[in-house]
Amino acid sequence: MTIENIPQDDDLLDQAMVFEVIENQLADNYPKQVKETLLRLTMKGNSRETAIELIACALAPEMEAVIEQQQSFNLERYVSHLALLPDTPWLAEE
């Protein structure tokens, strides 16, 4: 599963924005689970690029909820999705 599989409105949410947010989260070490997930995924043999794409699959739905539906960012749900990677069952629900 890659970020290309996530439905997106090009005007509101694009891949570059999602990847930039992830890189900022890694640099800030917040939430710390992003860095932990990156390490876990790369230790399992994924490239850094693939691991970032998987993390993007967890982040994009949260960003979409904030941008398109004016919901609050749900950190708990984001962290729970990170824990499930590389599986992405929440994408099958859409």
PDB file of N, CA and C in Angstrom:
ATOM      1  N   MET A   1       0.862  -1.179   0.000  1.00  0.00           N
ATOM      2  CA  MET A   1       0.000   0.000   0.000  1.00  0.00           C
ATOM      3  C   MET A   1       0.899   1.230   0.000  1.00  0.00           C
ATOM      4  N   THR A   2       0.609   2.157  -0.875  1.00  0.00           N
ATOM      5  CA  THR A   2       1.352   3.409  -0.917  1.00  0.00           C
ATOM      6  C   THR A   2       0.381   4.571  -0.841  1.00  0.00           C
ATOM      7  N   ILE A   3       0.927   5.746  -0.661  1.00  0.00           N
ATOM      8  CA  ILE A   3       0.088   6.942  -0.529  1.00  0.00           C
ATOM      9  C   ILE A   3      -0.707   7.203  -1.804  1.00  0.00           C
ATOM     10  N   GLU A   4      -0.250   6.703  -2.937  1.00  0.00           N
ATOM     11  CA  GLU A   4      -0.993   6.910  -4.177  1.00  0.00           C
ATOM     12  C   GLU A   4      -2.382   6.276  -4.106  1.00  0.00           C
ATOM     13  N   ASN A   5      -2.560   5.290  -3.221  1.00  0.00           N
ATOM     14  CA  ASN A   5      -3.835   4.599  -3.096  1.00  0.00           C
ATOM     15  C   ASN A   5      -4.838   5.366  -2.244  1.00  0.00           C
ATOM     16  N   ILE A   6      -4.430   6.440  -1.613  1.00  0.00           N
ATOM     17  CA  ILE A   6      -5.325   7.205  -0.753  1.00  0.00           C
ATOM     18  C   ILE A   6      -6.073   8.216  -1.605  1.00  0.00           C
ATOM     19  N   PRO A   7      -7.402   8.211  -1.539  1.00  0.00           N
ATOM     20  CA  PRO A   7      -8.161   9.220  -2.288  1.00  0.00           C
ATOM     21  C   PRO A   7      -7.796  10.615  -1.793  1.00  0.00           C
ATOM     22  N   GLN A   8      -7.546  11.508  -2.730  1.00  0.00           N
ATOM     23  CA  GLN A   8      -7.133  12.855  -2.354  1.00  0.00           C
ATOM     24  C   GLN A   8      -7.822  13.887  -3.218  1.00  0.00           C
ATOM     25  N   ASP A   9      -8.100  15.039  -2.620  1.00  0.00           N
ATOM     26  CA  ASP A   9      -8.540  16.211  -3.361  1.00  0.00           C
ATOM     27  C   ASP A   9      -7.269  17.021  -3.606  1.00  0.00           C
ATOM     28  N   ASP A  10      -6.844  17.099  -4.858  1.00  0.00           N
ATOM     29  CA  ASP A  10      -5.563  17.721  -5.181  1.00  0.00           C
ATOM     30  C   ASP A  10      -5.443  19.148  -4.668  1.00  0.00           C
ATOM     31  N   ASP A  11      -6.560  19.858  -4.534  1.00  0.00           N
ATOM     32  CA  ASP A  11      -6.502  21.236  -4.074  1.00  0.00           C
ATOM     33  C   ASP A  11      -6.219  21.343  -2.585  1.00  0.00           C
ATOM     34  N   LEU A  12      -6.601  20.343  -1.817  1.00  0.00           N
ATOM     35  CA  LEU A  12      -6.502  20.448  -0.367  1.00  0.00           C
ATOM     36  C   LEU A  12      -5.375  19.632   0.241  1.00  0.00           C
ATOM     37  N   LEU A  13      -5.081  18.484  -0.315  1.00  0.00           N
ATOM     38  CA  LEU A  13      -4.107  17.589   0.288  1.00  0.00           C
ATOM     39  C   LEU A  13      -3.273  16.967  -0.817  1.00  0.00           C
ATOM     40  N   ASP A  14      -1.977  17.219  -0.784  1.00  0.00           N
ATOM     41  CA  ASP A  14      -1.139  16.586  -1.786  1.00  0.00           C
ATOM     42  C   ASP A  14      -0.016  15.817  -1.105  1.00  0.00           C
ATOM     43  N   GLN A  15       0.593  14.941  -1.861  1.00  0.00           N
ATOM     44  CA  GLN A  15       1.623  14.068  -1.324  1.00  0.00           C
ATOM     45  C   GLN A  15       2.785  14.856  -0.732  1.00  0.00           C
ATOM     46  N   ALA A  16       3.212  15.893  -1.404  1.00  0.00           N
ATOM     47  CA  ALA A  16       4.346  16.670  -0.923  1.00  0.00           C
ATOM     48  C   ALA A  16       4.063  17.244   0.463  1.00  0.00           C
ATOM     49  N   MET A  17       2.837  17.703   0.679  1.00  0.00           N
ATOM     50  CA  MET A  17       2.471  18.262   1.979  1.00  0.00           C
ATOM     51  C   MET A  17       2.530  17.171   3.058  1.00  0.00           C
ATOM     52  N   VAL A  18       2.012  15.993   2.744  1.00  0.00           N
ATOM     53  CA  VAL A  18       2.012  14.889   3.703  1.00  0.00           C
ATOM     54  C   VAL A  18       3.444  14.498   4.051  1.00  0.00           C
ATOM     55  N   PHE A  19       4.282  14.357   3.034  1.00  0.00           N
ATOM     56  CA  PHE A  19       5.682  13.985   3.275  1.00  0.00           C
ATOM     57  C   PHE A  19       6.411  15.063   4.075  1.00  0.00           C
ATOM     58  N   GLU A  20       6.123  16.324   3.808  1.00  0.00           N
ATOM     59  CA  GLU A  20       6.751  17.412   4.557  1.00  0.00           C
ATOM     60  C   GLU A  20       6.356  17.361   6.031  1.00  0.00           C
ATOM     61  N   VAL A  21       5.094  17.104   6.298  1.00  0.00           N
ATOM     62  CA  VAL A  21       4.640  16.997   7.691  1.00  0.00           C
ATOM     63  C   VAL A  21       5.356  15.849   8.387  1.00  0.00           C
ATOM     64  N   ILE A  22       5.500  14.715   7.706  1.00  0.00           N
ATOM     65  CA  ILE A  22       6.202  13.574   8.303  1.00  0.00           C
ATOM     66  C   ILE A  22       7.650  13.929   8.597  1.00  0.00           C
ATOM     67  N   GLU A  23       8.324  14.562   7.664  1.00  0.00           N
ATOM     68  CA  GLU A  23       9.725  14.944   7.894  1.00  0.00           C
ATOM     69  C   GLU A  23       9.822  15.917   9.074  1.00  0.00           C
ATOM     70  N   ASN A  24       8.861  16.818   9.202  1.00  0.00           N
ATOM     71  CA  ASN A  24       8.841  17.736  10.348  1.00  0.00           C
ATOM     72  C   ASN A  24       8.601  16.973  11.647  1.00  0.00           C
ATOM     73  N   GLN A  25       7.709  16.000  11.618  1.00  0.00           N
ATOM     74  CA  GLN A  25       7.459  15.193  12.810  1.00  0.00           C
ATOM     75  C   GLN A  25       8.724  14.428  13.211  1.00  0.00           C
ATOM     76  N   LEU A  26       9.437  13.914  12.235  1.00  0.00           N
ATOM     77  CA  LEU A  26      10.685  13.207  12.532  1.00  0.00           C
ATOM     78  C   LEU A  26      11.724  14.152  13.128  1.00  0.00           C
ATOM     79  N   ALA A  27      11.850  15.333  12.551  1.00  0.00           N
ATOM     80  CA  ALA A  27      12.828  16.313  13.042  1.00  0.00           C
ATOM     81  C   ALA A  27      12.494  16.774  14.453  1.00  0.00           C
ATOM     82  N   ASP A  28      11.203  16.937  14.733  1.00  0.00           N
ATOM     83  CA  ASP A  28      10.757  17.404  16.048  1.00  0.00           C
ATOM     84  C   ASP A  28      10.626  16.272  17.066  1.00  0.00           C
ATOM     85  N   ASN A  29      10.713  15.027  16.575  1.00  0.00           N
ATOM     86  CA  ASN A  29      10.473  13.840  17.393  1.00  0.00           C
ATOM     87  C   ASN A  29       9.117  13.925  18.095  1.00  0.00           C
ATOM     88  N   TYR A  30       8.131  14.447  17.370  1.00  0.00           N
ATOM     89  CA  TYR A  30       6.756  14.503  17.885  1.00  0.00           C
ATOM     90  C   TYR A  30       5.776  14.245  16.761  1.00  0.00           C
ATOM     91  N   PRO A  31       4.902  13.315  16.913  1.00  0.00           N
ATOM     92  CA  PRO A  31       4.896  12.375  18.028  1.00  0.00           C
ATOM     93  C   PRO A  31       6.039  11.374  17.887  1.00  0.00           C
ATOM     94  N   LYS A  32       6.556  10.941  19.005  1.00  0.00           N
ATOM     95  CA  LYS A  32       7.728  10.061  19.006  1.00  0.00           C
ATOM     96  C   LYS A  32       7.461   8.751  18.280  1.00  0.00           C
ATOM     97  N   GLN A  33       6.195   8.367  18.179  1.00  0.00           N
ATOM     98  CA  GLN A  33       5.843   7.113  17.514  1.00  0.00           C
ATOM     99  C   GLN A  33       6.157   7.132  16.018  1.00  0.00           C
ATOM    100  N   VAL A  34       6.277   8.317  15.437  1.00  0.00           N
ATOM    101  CA  VAL A  34       6.621   8.402  14.019  1.00  0.00           C
ATOM    102  C   VAL A  34       8.053   7.902  13.815  1.00  0.00           C
ATOM    103  N   LYS A  35       8.969   8.389  14.628  1.00  0.00           N
ATOM    104  CA  LYS A  35      10.357   7.944  14.530  1.00  0.00           C
ATOM    105  C   LYS A  35      10.476   6.466  14.887  1.00  0.00           C
ATOM    106  N   GLU A  36       9.742   6.032  15.904  1.00  0.00           N
ATOM    107  CA  GLU A  36       9.757   4.622  16.296  1.00  0.00           C
ATOM    108  C   GLU A  36       9.225   3.743  15.163  1.00  0.00           C
ATOM    109  N   THR A  37       8.182   4.209  14.496  1.00  0.00           N
ATOM    110  CA  THR A  37       7.600   3.450  13.383  1.00  0.00           C
ATOM    111  C   THR A  37       8.572   3.389  12.215  1.00  0.00           C
ATOM    112  N   LEU A  38       9.215   4.500  11.912  1.00  0.00           N
ATOM    113  CA  LEU A  38      10.211   4.513  10.838  1.00  0.00           C
ATOM    114  C   LEU A  38      11.310   3.497  11.128  1.00  0.00           C
ATOM    115  N   LEU A  39      11.811   3.495  12.335  1.00  0.00           N
ATOM    116  CA  LEU A  39      12.862   2.555  12.720  1.00  0.00           C
ATOM    117  C   LEU A  39      12.365   1.108  12.610  1.00  0.00           C
ATOM    118  N   ARG A  40      11.171   0.852  13.130  1.00  0.00           N
ATOM    119  CA  ARG A  40      10.609  -0.504  13.093  1.00  0.00           C
ATOM    120  C   ARG A  40      10.445  -0.995  11.657  1.00  0.00           C
ATOM    121  N   LEU A  41       9.909  -0.133  10.801  1.00  0.00           N
ATOM    122  CA  LEU A  41       9.677  -0.526   9.412  1.00  0.00           C
ATOM    123  C   LEU A  41      10.988  -0.746   8.658  1.00  0.00           C
ATOM    124  N   THR A  42      11.981   0.095   8.898  1.00  0.00           N
ATOM    125  CA  THR A  42      13.259  -0.088   8.216  1.00  0.00           C
ATOM    126  C   THR A  42      14.005  -1.308   8.760  1.00  0.00           C
ATOM    127  N   MET A  43      13.837  -1.595  10.038  1.00  0.00           N
ATOM    128  CA  MET A  43      14.467  -2.790  10.619  1.00  0.00           C
ATOM    129  C   MET A  43      13.843  -4.070  10.049  1.00  0.00           C
ATOM    130  N   LYS A  44      12.613  -3.965   9.557  1.00  0.00           N
ATOM    131  CA  LYS A  44      11.937  -5.113   8.944  1.00  0.00           C
ATOM    132  C   LYS A  44      12.255  -5.240   7.460  1.00  0.00           C
ATOM    133  N   GLY A  45      13.171  -4.408   6.966  1.00  0.00           N
ATOM    134  CA  GLY A  45      13.621  -4.536   5.586  1.00  0.00           C
ATOM    135  C   GLY A  45      13.040  -3.545   4.599  1.00  0.00           C
ATOM    136  N   ASN A  46      12.178  -2.648   5.061  1.00  0.00           N
ATOM    137  CA  ASN A  46      11.649  -1.629   4.156  1.00  0.00           C
ATOM    138  C   ASN A  46      12.687  -0.526   3.958  1.00  0.00           C
ATOM    139  N   SER A  47      12.714   0.033   2.763  1.00  0.00           N
ATOM    140  CA  SER A  47      13.568   1.200   2.538  1.00  0.00           C
ATOM    141  C   SER A  47      12.987   2.378   3.310  1.00  0.00           C
ATOM    142  N   ARG A  48      13.804   3.424   3.510  1.00  0.00           N
ATOM    143  CA  ARG A  48      13.302   4.614   4.183  1.00  0.00           C
ATOM    144  C   ARG A  48      12.126   5.199   3.396  1.00  0.00           C
ATOM    145  N   GLU A  49      12.255   5.223   2.076  1.00  0.00           N
ATOM    146  CA  GLU A  49      11.202   5.776   1.219  1.00  0.00           C
ATOM    147  C   GLU A  49       9.890   5.006   1.398  1.00  0.00           C
ATOM    148  N   THR A  50       9.968   3.694   1.394  1.00  0.00           N
ATOM    149  CA  THR A  50       8.769   2.873   1.580  1.00  0.00           C
ATOM    150  C   THR A  50       8.177   3.092   2.962  1.00  0.00           C
ATOM    151  N   ALA A  51       9.031   3.163   3.969  1.00  0.00           N
ATOM    152  CA  ALA A  51       8.557   3.384   5.341  1.00  0.00           C
ATOM    153  C   ALA A  51       7.839   4.733   5.449  1.00  0.00           C
ATOM    154  N   ILE A  52       8.390   5.768   4.819  1.00  0.00           N
ATOM    155  CA  ILE A  52       7.753   7.092   4.837  1.00  0.00           C
ATOM    156  C   ILE A  52       6.406   7.023   4.117  1.00  0.00           C
ATOM    157  N   GLU A  53       6.326   6.297   3.009  1.00  0.00           N
ATOM    158  CA  GLU A  53       5.060   6.148   2.295  1.00  0.00           C
ATOM    159  C   GLU A  53       4.024   5.447   3.171  1.00  0.00           C
ATOM    160  N   LEU A  54       4.452   4.443   3.914  1.00  0.00           N
ATOM    161  CA  LEU A  54       3.529   3.755   4.815  1.00  0.00           C
ATOM    162  C   LEU A  54       3.053   4.685   5.925  1.00  0.00           C
ATOM    163  N   ILE A  55       3.969   5.452   6.486  1.00  0.00           N
ATOM    164  CA  ILE A  55       3.590   6.418   7.519  1.00  0.00           C
ATOM    165  C   ILE A  55       2.604   7.431   6.937  1.00  0.00           C
ATOM    166  N   ALA A  56       2.830   7.810   5.690  1.00  0.00           N
ATOM    167  CA  ALA A  56       1.912   8.736   5.021  1.00  0.00           C
ATOM    168  C   ALA A  56       0.508   8.150   4.919  1.00  0.00           C
ATOM    169  N   CYS A  57       0.410   6.843   4.786  1.00  0.00           N
ATOM    170  CA  CYS A  57      -0.907   6.193   4.735  1.00  0.00           C
ATOM    171  C   CYS A  57      -1.636   6.331   6.063  1.00  0.00           C
ATOM    172  N   ALA A  58      -0.890   6.458   7.143  1.00  0.00           N
ATOM    173  CA  ALA A  58      -1.503   6.677   8.455  1.00  0.00           C
ATOM    174  C   ALA A  58      -1.826   8.153   8.670  1.00  0.00           C
ATOM    175  N   LEU A  59      -0.983   9.034   8.161  1.00  0.00           N
ATOM    176  CA  LEU A  59      -1.152  10.467   8.379  1.00  0.00           C
ATOM    177  C   LEU A  59      -2.204  11.101   7.467  1.00  0.00           C
ATOM    178  N   ALA A  60      -2.239  10.701   6.212  1.00  0.00           N
ATOM    179  CA  ALA A  60      -3.115  11.359   5.236  1.00  0.00           C
ATOM    180  C   ALA A  60      -4.584  11.391   5.658  1.00  0.00           C
ATOM    181  N   PRO A  61      -5.147  10.300   6.171  1.00  0.00           N
ATOM    182  CA  PRO A  61      -6.549  10.383   6.585  1.00  0.00           C
ATOM    183  C   PRO A  61      -6.781  11.385   7.718  1.00  0.00           C
ATOM    184  N   GLU A  62      -5.804  11.525   8.602  1.00  0.00           N
ATOM    185  CA  GLU A  62      -5.927  12.503   9.688  1.00  0.00           C
ATOM    186  C   GLU A  62      -5.875  13.921   9.139  1.00  0.00           C
ATOM    187  N   MET A  63      -4.958  14.160   8.220  1.00  0.00           N
ATOM    188  CA  MET A  63      -4.861  15.485   7.616  1.00  0.00           C
ATOM    189  C   MET A  63      -6.119  15.808   6.823  1.00  0.00           C
ATOM    190  N   GLU A  64      -6.648  14.811   6.134  1.00  0.00           N
ATOM    191  CA  GLU A  64      -7.874  15.013   5.363  1.00  0.00           C
ATOM    192  C   GLU A  64      -9.035  15.381   6.291  1.00  0.00           C
ATOM    193  N   ALA A  65      -9.115  14.724   7.431  1.00  0.00           N
ATOM    194  CA  ALA A  65     -10.186  15.026   8.391  1.00  0.00           C
ATOM    195  C   ALA A  65     -10.084  16.463   8.891  1.00  0.00           C
ATOM    196  N   VAL A  66      -8.863  16.916   9.114  1.00  0.00           N
ATOM    197  CA  VAL A  66      -8.650  18.283   9.599  1.00  0.00           C
ATOM    198  C   VAL A  66      -8.975  19.301   8.504  1.00  0.00           C
ATOM    199  N   ILE A  67      -8.444  19.070   7.322  1.00  0.00           N
ATOM    200  CA  ILE A  67      -8.572  20.040   6.236  1.00  0.00           C
ATOM    201  C   ILE A  67      -9.975  20.056   5.636  1.00  0.00           C
ATOM    202  N   GLU A  68     -10.494  18.883   5.312  1.00  0.00           N
ATOM    203  CA  GLU A  68     -11.754  18.820   4.579  1.00  0.00           C
ATOM    204  C   GLU A  68     -12.983  18.785   5.476  1.00  0.00           C
ATOM    205  N   GLN A  69     -12.847  18.207   6.656  1.00  0.00           N
ATOM    206  CA  GLN A  69     -14.012  18.033   7.517  1.00  0.00           C
ATOM    207  C   GLN A  69     -13.955  18.910   8.771  1.00  0.00           C
ATOM    208  N   GLN A  70     -12.918  19.742   8.865  1.00  0.00           N
ATOM    209  CA  GLN A  70     -12.725  20.644  10.003  1.00  0.00           C
ATOM    210  C   GLN A  70     -12.789  19.919  11.354  1.00  0.00           C
ATOM    211  N   GLN A  71     -12.281  18.694  11.392  1.00  0.00           N
ATOM    212  CA  GLN A  71     -12.204  17.943  12.642  1.00  0.00           C
ATOM    213  C   GLN A  71     -10.881  18.246  13.323  1.00  0.00           C
ATOM    214  N   SER A  72     -10.813  17.986  14.616  1.00  0.00           N
ATOM    215  CA  SER A  72      -9.554  18.102  15.338  1.00  0.00           C
ATOM    216  C   SER A  72      -8.664  16.921  14.956  1.00  0.00           C
ATOM    217  N   PHE A  73      -7.353  17.172  14.924  1.00  0.00           N
ATOM    218  CA  PHE A  73      -6.403  16.098  14.648  1.00  0.00           C
ATOM    219  C   PHE A  73      -6.518  15.073  15.759  1.00  0.00           C
ATOM    220  N   ASN A  74      -6.686  13.812  15.390  1.00  0.00           N
ATOM    221  CA  ASN A  74      -6.866  12.738  16.357  1.00  0.00           C
ATOM    222  C   ASN A  74      -5.537  12.007  16.530  1.00  0.00           C
ATOM    223  N   LEU A  75      -4.743  12.483  17.482  1.00  0.00           N
ATOM    224  CA  LEU A  75      -3.419  11.913  17.710  1.00  0.00           C
ATOM    225  C   LEU A  75      -3.509  10.447  18.117  1.00  0.00           C
ATOM    226  N   GLU A  76      -4.478  10.122  18.949  1.00  0.00           N
ATOM    227  CA  GLU A  76      -4.624   8.738  19.410  1.00  0.00           C
ATOM    228  C   GLU A  76      -4.883   7.789  18.235  1.00  0.00           C
ATOM    229  N   ARG A  77      -5.753   8.187  17.321  1.00  0.00           N
ATOM    230  CA  ARG A  77      -6.046   7.344  16.156  1.00  0.00           C
ATOM    231  C   ARG A  77      -4.818   7.249  15.250  1.00  0.00           C
ATOM    232  N   TYR A  78      -4.129   8.362  15.055  1.00  0.00           N
ATOM    233  CA  TYR A  78      -2.912   8.369  14.228  1.00  0.00           C
ATOM    234  C   TYR A  78      -1.883   7.397  14.797  1.00  0.00           C
ATOM    235  N   VAL A  79      -1.643   7.468  16.092  1.00  0.00           N
ATOM    236  CA  VAL A  79      -0.670   6.598  16.738  1.00  0.00           C
ATOM    237  C   VAL A  79      -1.110   5.133  16.629  1.00  0.00           C
ATOM    238  N   SER A  80      -2.403   4.877  16.761  1.00  0.00           N
ATOM    239  CA  SER A  80      -2.877   3.498  16.636  1.00  0.00           C
ATOM    240  C   SER A  80      -2.688   2.984  15.206  1.00  0.00           C
ATOM    241  N   HIS A  81      -2.856   3.854  14.213  1.00  0.00           N
ATOM    242  CA  HIS A  81      -2.610   3.452  12.825  1.00  0.00           C
ATOM    243  C   HIS A  81      -1.121   3.202  12.596  1.00  0.00           C
ATOM    244  N   LEU A  82      -0.264   4.031  13.178  1.00  0.00           N
ATOM    245  CA  LEU A  82       1.176   3.804  13.050  1.00  0.00           C
ATOM    246  C   LEU A  82       1.552   2.428  13.584  1.00  0.00           C
ATOM    247  N   ALA A  83       0.935   2.034  14.693  1.00  0.00           N
ATOM    248  CA  ALA A  83       1.255   0.755  15.320  1.00  0.00           C
ATOM    249  C   ALA A  83       0.871  -0.433  14.432  1.00  0.00           C
ATOM    250  N   LEU A  84      -0.119  -0.248  13.567  1.00  0.00           N
ATOM    251  CA  LEU A  84      -0.580  -1.334  12.702  1.00  0.00           C
ATOM    252  C   LEU A  84       0.262  -1.502  11.431  1.00  0.00           C
ATOM    253  N   LEU A  85       1.036  -0.484  11.084  1.00  0.00           N
ATOM    254  CA  LEU A  85       1.833  -0.554   9.853  1.00  0.00           C
ATOM    255  C   LEU A  85       2.797  -1.734   9.897  1.00  0.00           C
ATOM    256  N   PRO A  86       2.998  -2.438   8.816  1.00  0.00           N
ATOM    257  CA  PRO A  86       2.670  -2.082   7.435  1.00  0.00           C
ATOM    258  C   PRO A  86       1.243  -2.396   7.007  1.00  0.00           C
ATOM    259  N   ASP A  87       0.448  -2.988   7.870  1.00  0.00           N
ATOM    260  CA  ASP A  87      -0.961  -3.218   7.531  1.00  0.00           C
ATOM    261  C   ASP A  87      -1.720  -1.895   7.582  1.00  0.00           C
ATOM    262  N   THR A  88      -2.698  -1.740   6.689  1.00  0.00           N
ATOM    263  CA  THR A  88      -3.486  -0.514   6.618  1.00  0.00           C
ATOM    264  C   THR A  88      -4.981  -0.821   6.539  1.00  0.00           C
ATOM    265  N   PRO A  89      -5.524  -1.486   7.556  1.00  0.00           N
ATOM    266  CA  PRO A  89      -6.944  -1.866   7.489  1.00  0.00           C
ATOM    267  C   PRO A  89      -7.904  -0.691   7.423  1.00  0.00           C
ATOM    268  N   TRP A  90      -7.520   0.475   7.931  1.00  0.00           N
ATOM    269  CA  TRP A  90      -8.407   1.642   7.887  1.00  0.00           C
ATOM    270  C   TRP A  90      -8.634   2.132   6.476  1.00  0.00           C
ATOM    271  N   LEU A  91      -7.732   1.833   5.548  1.00  0.00           N
ATOM    272  CA  LEU A  91      -7.928   2.250   4.168  1.00  0.00           C
ATOM    273  C   LEU A  91      -8.983   1.389   3.486  1.00  0.00           C
ATOM    274  N   ALA A  92      -9.111   0.146   3.915  1.00  0.00           N
ATOM    275  CA  ALA A  92     -10.116  -0.748   3.344  1.00  0.00           C
ATOM    276  C   ALA A  92     -11.519  -0.343   3.783  1.00  0.00           C
ATOM    277  N   GLU A  93     -11.615   0.383   4.894  1.00  0.00           N
ATOM    278  CA  GLU A  93     -12.908   0.810   5.429  1.00  0.00           C
ATOM    279  C   GLU A  93     -13.523   1.929   4.613  1.00  0.00           C
ATOM    280  N   GLU A  94     -12.714   2.650   3.848  1.00  0.00           N
ATOM    281  CA  GLU A  94     -13.207   3.815   3.107  1.00  0.00           C
ATOM    282  C   GLU A  94     -13.936   3.418   1.857  1.00  0.00           C
TER     283      GLU A  94
END
